[in-house]
Amino acid sequence: MRAAPVPGRARALRSGPEEPALRDAFSTLLSLSPERLAEVDGALAEGARRPGPLREILAVYAGIARAHPADPGVPAALLIRHVRLASGEALFLGAGVPHACLRGLGVEVTAASDDVLRCGLTSKHVDVPELLRVVRFTSLPAPVVRPVPGVAGEEVYPAPVDDFRLSRLVLDVRDGARALPGPGPRILVCTAGTVRVTGARHEVVLTPGASAYVPAGERVAVSGEGTVFGSTVGGPVAHD
């Protein structure tokens, strides 16, 4: 089964002004009928079986289609860059950039927002007119962020905003306790091993998936053997 092409829009995406071409294609794909969406799913599955340079990437989208059959988010996702992150890498995405995590463990930090809009891959309502109002219809380079050295062994992920600051600390039991720079507020999330968080009044032990909140003004130290991510308010990156 193969989805019929849309020559006019394909030509516009190749050579027309970027913003209106992307907007028109995005709107059209989110409005496809269930029959057309089933054709898209079939075309992706067929492409993923055929040898060729696009087989691997088509297999990614075919997997999305299997998980969300006849969902308008499947063809819309074809307009979104597919990025593979290595362990320790991150992405920074500004407001109005559609995104989805497909596989793996990730720590996501978001700024305060009035609302979260869905583009698809969900049973919840998709507000297409509102999406078309807020989505940024422009191509972007792969915004991969790699951590830079901070203080006390922290690795800090640079972000061009003051809303938050994300850091990672890989602990070795031989290093003893490490005082985290600055007072809270701070959220700590353990992703590997066992991490002990010690404050003036409390002590908690975190295992993978567990988190702790450090109130404003409180200083803590961490110890153990594992990996802990910390999120706090934004600001300049301090270096050793």
Protein backbone atom coordinates (compact mmCIF):
# COMPACT_ATOMS: atom_id res chain seq x y z
CA MET A 1 0.00 0.00 0.00
CA ARG A 2 1.42 3.35 -0.94
CA ALA A 3 0.26 6.87 -0.11
CA ALA A 4 -0.32 9.02 -3.15
CA PRO A 5 2.10 11.95 -3.45
CA VAL A 6 1.10 15.59 -3.09
CA PRO A 7 3.21 17.16 -5.88
CA GLY A 8 2.34 20.81 -5.23
CA ARG A 9 3.28 20.74 -1.57
CA ALA A 10 6.38 18.66 -2.23
CA ARG A 11 7.57 21.30 -4.72
CA ALA A 12 6.79 24.07 -2.22
CA LEU A 13 8.85 22.34 0.47
CA ARG A 14 11.80 22.07 -1.91
CA SER A 15 11.78 25.55 -3.39
CA GLY A 16 9.08 27.76 -1.90
CA PRO A 17 9.40 30.22 1.01
CA GLU A 18 10.12 28.07 4.04
CA GLU A 19 7.59 29.31 6.59
CA PRO A 20 4.40 29.19 4.48
CA ALA A 21 5.46 25.91 2.86
CA LEU A 22 6.04 24.22 6.22
CA ARG A 23 2.86 25.69 7.67
CA ASP A 24 0.78 24.43 4.73
CA ALA A 25 2.34 20.95 4.81
CA PHE A 26 1.96 20.68 8.60
CA SER A 27 -1.69 21.75 8.47
CA THR A 28 -2.44 19.32 5.65
CA LEU A 29 -0.79 16.35 7.36
CA LEU A 30 -2.60 16.96 10.65
CA SER A 31 -5.91 17.05 8.77
CA LEU A 32 -5.61 13.82 6.75
CA SER A 33 -8.55 11.43 6.77
CA PRO A 34 -8.30 8.06 8.57
CA GLU A 35 -8.04 6.34 5.18
CA ARG A 36 -5.13 8.50 4.10
CA LEU A 37 -3.43 8.02 7.46
CA ALA A 38 -3.68 4.26 7.02
CA GLU A 39 -2.04 4.65 3.60
CA VAL A 40 0.81 6.61 5.18
CA ASP A 41 1.30 3.87 7.79
CA GLY A 42 1.42 1.25 5.03
CA ALA A 43 3.88 3.26 2.95
CA LEU A 44 6.22 3.65 5.92
CA ALA A 45 6.08 -0.07 6.70
CA GLU A 46 6.82 -0.87 3.05
CA GLY A 47 9.72 1.58 2.93
CA ALA A 48 11.20 0.13 6.11
CA ARG A 49 11.33 -3.31 4.46
CA ARG A 50 13.03 -2.17 1.26
CA PRO A 51 16.82 -1.97 1.00
CA GLY A 52 18.14 1.52 0.39
CA PRO A 53 19.63 4.61 2.02
CA LEU A 54 16.31 5.63 3.63
CA ARG A 55 15.51 2.25 5.13
CA GLU A 56 16.89 2.99 8.60
CA ILE A 57 15.15 6.33 9.05
CA LEU A 58 11.88 5.00 7.58
CA ALA A 59 12.04 2.18 10.13
CA VAL A 60 12.00 4.82 12.88
CA TYR A 61 8.81 6.38 11.57
CA ALA A 62 7.29 2.97 10.81
CA GLY A 63 7.84 2.11 14.47
CA ILE A 64 5.96 5.27 15.47
CA ALA A 65 3.12 4.24 13.14
CA ARG A 66 2.92 0.79 14.71
CA ALA A 67 2.64 2.35 18.16
CA HIS A 68 0.10 4.98 16.99
CA PRO A 69 -1.77 3.60 13.96
CA ALA A 70 -3.70 6.08 11.81
CA ASP A 71 -2.56 8.98 13.97
CA PRO A 72 -2.06 12.39 12.30
CA GLY A 73 1.09 12.84 14.36
CA VAL A 74 2.81 10.13 12.29
CA PRO A 75 2.98 12.03 8.96
CA ALA A 76 3.52 15.31 10.85
CA ALA A 77 6.57 13.74 12.50
CA LEU A 78 8.13 13.34 9.05
CA LEU A 79 8.69 17.11 9.10
CA ILE A 80 10.65 16.88 12.38
CA ARG A 81 14.38 16.16 12.47
CA HIS A 82 15.30 12.77 13.92
CA VAL A 83 18.17 13.16 16.41
CA ARG A 84 20.07 10.39 18.22
CA LEU A 85 21.65 11.42 21.50
CA ALA A 86 24.62 9.68 23.08
CA SER A 87 24.70 9.17 26.84
CA GLY A 88 25.22 12.53 28.55
CA GLU A 89 24.09 14.64 25.58
CA ALA A 90 21.03 16.87 25.64
CA LEU A 91 18.80 19.05 23.48
CA PHE A 92 17.68 22.60 24.03
CA LEU A 93 14.36 23.38 22.36
CA GLY A 94 12.81 26.81 22.50
CA ALA A 95 9.11 27.57 22.68
CA GLY A 96 7.07 26.57 19.65
CA VAL A 97 9.29 23.65 18.58
CA PRO A 98 7.38 20.33 18.31
CA HIS A 99 9.25 17.38 19.80
CA ALA A 100 8.81 13.85 21.11
CA CYS A 101 11.05 11.38 22.93
CA LEU A 102 10.92 8.01 21.17
CA ARG A 103 13.17 5.78 23.23
CA GLY A 104 15.60 5.80 26.13
CA LEU A 105 15.91 7.48 29.51
CA GLY A 106 15.91 11.25 29.61
CA VAL A 107 15.68 14.08 32.12
CA GLU A 108 13.38 16.84 30.88
CA VAL A 109 13.28 20.33 32.34
CA THR A 110 10.72 22.84 31.14
CA ALA A 111 10.17 26.52 31.82
CA ALA A 112 6.88 27.73 33.25
CA SER A 113 4.21 27.77 30.53
CA ASP A 114 0.56 28.63 30.16
CA ASP A 115 -0.16 25.41 28.29
CA VAL A 116 1.24 22.37 26.50
CA LEU A 117 -0.08 21.75 23.00
CA ARG A 118 -0.13 18.28 21.43
CA CYS A 119 0.58 17.62 17.77
CA GLY A 120 -0.48 13.98 17.74
CA LEU A 121 0.60 10.52 18.91
CA THR A 122 -2.04 10.84 21.60
CA SER A 123 -5.69 10.07 22.31
CA LYS A 124 -6.10 13.59 23.68
CA HIS A 125 -7.41 16.57 21.76
CA VAL A 126 -5.18 18.18 19.11
CA ASP A 127 -6.00 21.86 18.56
CA VAL A 128 -4.76 22.38 15.00
CA PRO A 129 -5.62 26.12 14.70
CA GLU A 130 -3.79 26.89 17.96
CA LEU A 131 -0.82 24.79 16.85
CA LEU A 132 -0.59 26.73 13.61
CA ARG A 133 -0.57 29.93 15.66
CA VAL A 134 2.31 29.02 17.98
CA VAL A 135 4.55 26.52 16.13
CA ARG A 136 7.78 27.95 14.70
CA PHE A 137 7.83 27.02 11.02
CA THR A 138 11.53 27.21 10.36
CA SER A 139 14.26 24.61 9.97
CA LEU A 140 16.78 24.38 12.81
CA PRO A 141 20.18 22.74 13.16
CA ALA A 142 20.33 19.74 15.47
CA PRO A 143 20.48 21.58 18.83
CA VAL A 144 22.68 19.05 20.67
CA VAL A 145 24.04 20.34 23.98
CA ARG A 146 27.07 18.84 25.68
CA PRO A 147 27.90 19.57 29.33
CA VAL A 148 30.75 21.82 30.38
CA PRO A 149 32.75 21.55 33.62
CA GLY A 150 31.26 23.34 36.62
CA VAL A 151 32.27 23.38 40.28
CA ALA A 152 32.50 20.45 42.71
CA GLY A 153 32.71 18.01 39.82
CA GLU A 154 29.37 19.08 38.33
CA GLU A 155 28.83 19.09 34.57
CA VAL A 156 26.52 21.91 33.53
CA TYR A 157 24.34 21.96 30.40
CA PRO A 158 24.48 25.49 28.92
CA ALA A 159 21.07 26.92 28.01
CA PRO A 160 20.35 30.37 26.54
CA VAL A 161 17.65 31.09 29.16
CA ASP A 162 17.54 32.01 32.85
CA ASP A 163 14.47 29.85 33.60
CA PHE A 164 16.47 26.84 34.75
CA ARG A 165 19.92 25.32 35.11
CA LEU A 166 20.54 21.59 34.59
CA SER A 167 23.63 19.77 35.79
CA ARG A 168 24.91 16.22 36.12
CA LEU A 169 27.16 14.73 38.78
CA VAL A 170 28.73 11.29 38.44
CA LEU A 171 29.72 10.12 41.90
CA ASP A 172 32.46 7.74 42.97
CA VAL A 173 32.27 6.45 46.53
CA ARG A 174 36.03 6.98 46.87
CA ASP A 175 35.60 10.75 46.45
CA GLY A 176 33.48 11.11 49.58
CA ALA A 177 30.78 13.76 49.95
CA ARG A 178 30.56 16.71 47.56
CA ALA A 179 28.86 19.96 48.53
CA LEU A 180 26.60 21.20 45.75
CA PRO A 181 27.28 24.82 44.78
CA GLY A 182 24.75 27.38 45.94
CA PRO A 183 21.61 27.00 48.06
CA GLY A 184 18.33 25.59 46.81
CA PRO A 185 15.70 25.51 45.51
CA ARG A 186 16.86 22.43 43.66
CA ILE A 187 15.42 19.15 42.39
CA LEU A 188 17.73 16.14 42.39
CA VAL A 189 16.98 13.02 40.32
CA CYS A 190 19.01 9.81 40.55
CA THR A 191 19.39 7.91 37.26
CA ALA A 192 21.97 5.28 38.26
CA GLY A 193 23.45 3.74 41.39
CA THR A 194 22.74 4.92 44.93
CA VAL A 195 23.11 8.57 45.95
CA ARG A 196 22.92 9.95 49.49
CA VAL A 197 21.72 13.54 49.87
CA THR A 198 22.64 15.15 53.19
CA GLY A 199 21.37 18.49 54.44
CA ALA A 200 21.44 20.30 57.74
CA ARG A 201 18.23 18.66 58.96
CA HIS A 202 17.50 15.72 56.67
CA GLU A 203 19.21 12.90 54.80
CA VAL A 204 17.69 10.80 52.01
CA VAL A 205 18.99 7.95 49.87
CA LEU A 206 18.07 8.03 46.17
CA THR A 207 18.00 5.03 43.84
CA PRO A 208 17.26 5.15 40.08
CA GLY A 209 14.00 7.00 39.44
CA ALA A 210 13.85 8.60 42.90
CA SER A 211 14.10 12.34 43.46
CA ALA A 212 14.48 14.86 46.25
CA TYR A 213 13.53 18.52 46.62
CA VAL A 214 15.97 20.90 48.29
CA PRO A 215 14.16 24.02 49.64
CA ALA A 216 15.38 27.53 48.97
CA GLY A 217 18.29 28.54 51.15
CA GLU A 218 19.33 25.00 52.11
CA ARG A 219 22.73 23.64 51.18
CA VAL A 220 23.29 19.92 50.66
CA ALA A 221 26.07 17.46 49.92
CA VAL A 222 25.84 14.28 47.86
CA SER A 223 27.81 11.06 48.16
CA GLY A 224 27.70 7.45 47.01
CA GLU A 225 28.19 5.67 43.72
CA GLY A 226 25.91 6.77 40.91
CA THR A 227 24.61 9.59 38.72
CA VAL A 228 22.40 12.44 39.88
CA PHE A 229 20.94 15.28 37.82
CA GLY A 230 20.12 18.59 39.45
CA SER A 231 17.79 21.32 38.28
CA THR A 232 17.71 24.76 39.83
CA VAL A 233 17.09 28.37 38.78
CA GLY A 234 19.18 29.71 35.92
CA GLY A 235 22.25 31.85 35.98
CA PRO A 236 25.84 31.96 34.75
CA VAL A 237 27.87 28.76 34.81
CA ALA A 238 30.50 28.74 37.58
CA HIS A 239 33.75 26.95 36.80
CA ASP A 240 36.45 25.41 38.97
